[in-house]
Structure formats: C-alpha cells, structure tokens
Amino acid sequence: MVLHSSASWSISFKLCLVPIARSYDWPTGHLIVLHYITERLVTEYELLRLKEEAEQANETKSHFLAQMNHELRILLSAIMGYAERRKLWFDCAGLQSAPQTCWRIARI
C-alpha cells in the first residue's frame, strides 16, 4: 500500500488487518497494523540494480578474456611455428646444435 507518491519519492506500508474476537463469537473489532517498508523496498531496488551491474560487468569480462585468449593463441602459435622452423632449418643444415632458446620454445 502506497500512502503518498510523487515523481521523486513515495512512502510504502504493508497493511495487516487482524480480527479481534472474544472466544468463538463474531469478531468484536479489528486490529490494523501498518509496517513501514519504504526502506526495505529501496534496499531491494538497490540490490537488484547492483546485481544487474555485476552481471553486466561479468559478461564484459568474459567477452574480454575470450578475445584475449584468442589473440594470445594466435601469437603463441606464430612463435611456436617460428621455433619449429628454426629447429628444422638447423637439422636440415646439418648443424649439431640450435640455440637453446629455440629448443626451449619448441618444447612448450
């Protein structure tokens, strides 16, 4: 139940109506209980907004990591291919040893 509402703010209450009776007779009256829930609603709204922001940030992060993973794989494939070619070139040229860096890169 909203008692007052404007463009910038509102006051919200939860209305509970409890019948009051003396034993098993008809109710002799009612007890009206109002729970002020405006702060709770504002807190729930803020939590929902923050949750949506966190989900958007997580989606952006996942997309970024997927792109970086792809870019790094391309770069590492090129480096590994270069090391393998150098190794083959040294083997075909009949040289006994290639530089240690080529062997280390090729073993990755």
Protein backbone atom coordinates (compact mmCIF):
# COMPACT_ATOMS: atom_id res chain seq x y z
CA MET A 1 0.00 0.00 0.00
CA VAL A 2 1.45 3.36 -1.01
CA LEU A 3 0.19 6.28 1.05
CA HIS A 4 1.88 9.06 -0.86
CA SER A 5 3.71 9.00 -4.12
CA SER A 6 5.32 11.65 -6.24
CA ALA A 7 7.87 11.66 -9.04
CA SER A 8 10.79 11.74 -6.62
CA TRP A 9 9.69 9.73 -3.57
CA SER A 10 6.98 7.55 -2.07
CA ILE A 11 6.03 6.13 1.31
CA SER A 12 5.13 2.43 1.36
CA PHE A 13 3.36 0.45 4.07
CA LYS A 14 2.24 -3.15 4.41
CA LEU A 15 -1.28 -3.28 5.85
CA CYS A 16 -2.31 -6.18 8.09
CA LEU A 17 -5.89 -6.49 9.34
CA VAL A 18 -6.27 -8.83 12.34
CA PRO A 19 -9.77 -9.67 13.66
CA ILE A 20 -10.24 -9.44 17.42
CA ALA A 21 -12.81 -11.81 18.98
CA ARG A 22 -13.79 -12.95 22.47
CA SER A 23 -13.76 -16.75 22.24
CA TYR A 24 -15.78 -18.13 19.29
CA ASP A 25 -18.10 -15.20 18.74
CA TRP A 26 -18.16 -12.90 15.82
CA PRO A 27 -15.23 -10.51 15.69
CA THR A 28 -15.73 -7.59 18.04
CA GLY A 29 -13.19 -5.45 16.26
CA HIS A 30 -10.11 -5.39 14.14
CA LEU A 31 -6.52 -4.55 14.78
CA ILE A 32 -4.85 -2.63 11.97
CA VAL A 33 -1.09 -2.98 11.75
CA LEU A 34 0.98 -0.90 9.36
CA HIS A 35 4.54 -1.97 8.61
CA TYR A 36 6.75 0.76 7.18
CA ILE A 37 8.53 -0.93 4.26
CA THR A 38 9.86 2.01 2.23
CA GLU A 39 13.47 1.46 3.34
CA ARG A 40 13.23 -2.25 2.58
CA LEU A 41 11.89 -1.57 -0.91
CA VAL A 42 14.65 0.97 -1.57
CA THR A 43 17.26 -1.54 -0.37
CA GLU A 44 15.78 -4.31 -2.54
CA TYR A 45 15.78 -1.97 -5.55
CA GLU A 46 19.43 -1.02 -4.95
CA LEU A 47 20.45 -4.68 -4.54
CA LEU A 48 18.69 -5.59 -7.78
CA ARG A 49 20.38 -2.71 -9.61
CA LEU A 50 23.81 -3.70 -8.23
CA LYS A 51 23.21 -7.34 -9.17
CA GLU A 52 22.40 -6.35 -12.74
CA GLU A 53 25.52 -4.15 -12.89
CA ALA A 54 27.66 -7.04 -11.59
CA GLU A 55 26.18 -9.44 -14.17
CA GLN A 56 26.90 -6.93 -16.96
CA ALA A 57 30.48 -6.47 -15.72
CA ASN A 58 30.94 -10.25 -15.56
CA GLU A 59 29.65 -10.63 -19.12
CA THR A 60 32.01 -7.89 -20.32
CA LYS A 61 34.93 -9.55 -18.51
CA SER A 62 34.12 -12.93 -20.04
CA HIS A 63 33.97 -11.42 -23.53
CA PHE A 64 37.29 -9.62 -22.97
CA LEU A 65 39.00 -12.80 -21.72
CA ALA A 66 37.68 -14.80 -24.66
CA GLN A 67 39.05 -12.22 -27.08
CA MET A 68 42.43 -12.09 -25.29
CA ASN A 69 42.61 -15.88 -25.24
CA HIS A 70 42.07 -15.93 -29.00
CA GLU A 71 44.67 -13.20 -29.60
CA LEU A 72 47.25 -14.90 -27.36
CA ARG A 73 46.71 -18.27 -29.02
CA ILE A 74 47.36 -16.75 -32.44
CA LEU A 75 50.54 -15.08 -31.19
CA LEU A 76 51.82 -18.20 -29.42
CA SER A 77 51.08 -20.34 -32.47
CA ALA A 78 53.21 -18.00 -34.57
CA ILE A 79 56.08 -18.14 -32.04
CA MET A 80 55.89 -21.93 -31.83
CA GLY A 81 55.79 -22.21 -35.63
CA TYR A 82 58.85 -19.97 -35.92
CA ALA A 83 60.74 -22.04 -33.33
CA GLU A 84 59.83 -25.26 -35.12
CA ARG A 85 61.05 -23.86 -38.45
CA ARG A 86 64.31 -22.74 -36.89
CA LYS A 87 64.76 -26.19 -35.41
CA LEU A 88 64.09 -27.86 -38.77
CA TRP A 89 66.43 -25.43 -40.52
CA PHE A 90 69.26 -26.28 -38.10
CA ASP A 91 68.51 -30.01 -38.52
CA CYS A 92 68.46 -29.77 -42.33
CA ALA A 93 71.59 -27.63 -42.43
CA GLY A 94 73.42 -30.38 -40.59
CA LEU A 95 74.32 -28.18 -37.67
CA GLN A 96 74.81 -30.03 -34.42
CA SER A 97 73.02 -27.63 -32.11
CA ALA A 98 70.45 -24.92 -32.44
CA PRO A 99 70.41 -22.08 -29.98
CA GLN A 100 68.99 -23.16 -26.63
CA THR A 101 66.13 -20.66 -26.88
CA CYS A 102 64.79 -22.43 -29.98
CA TRP A 103 64.76 -25.77 -28.17
CA ARG A 104 63.04 -24.27 -25.12
CA ILE A 105 60.34 -22.58 -27.20
CA ALA A 106 59.76 -25.71 -29.30
CA ARG A 107 59.24 -27.86 -26.18
CA ILE A 108 56.43 -25.67 -24.80
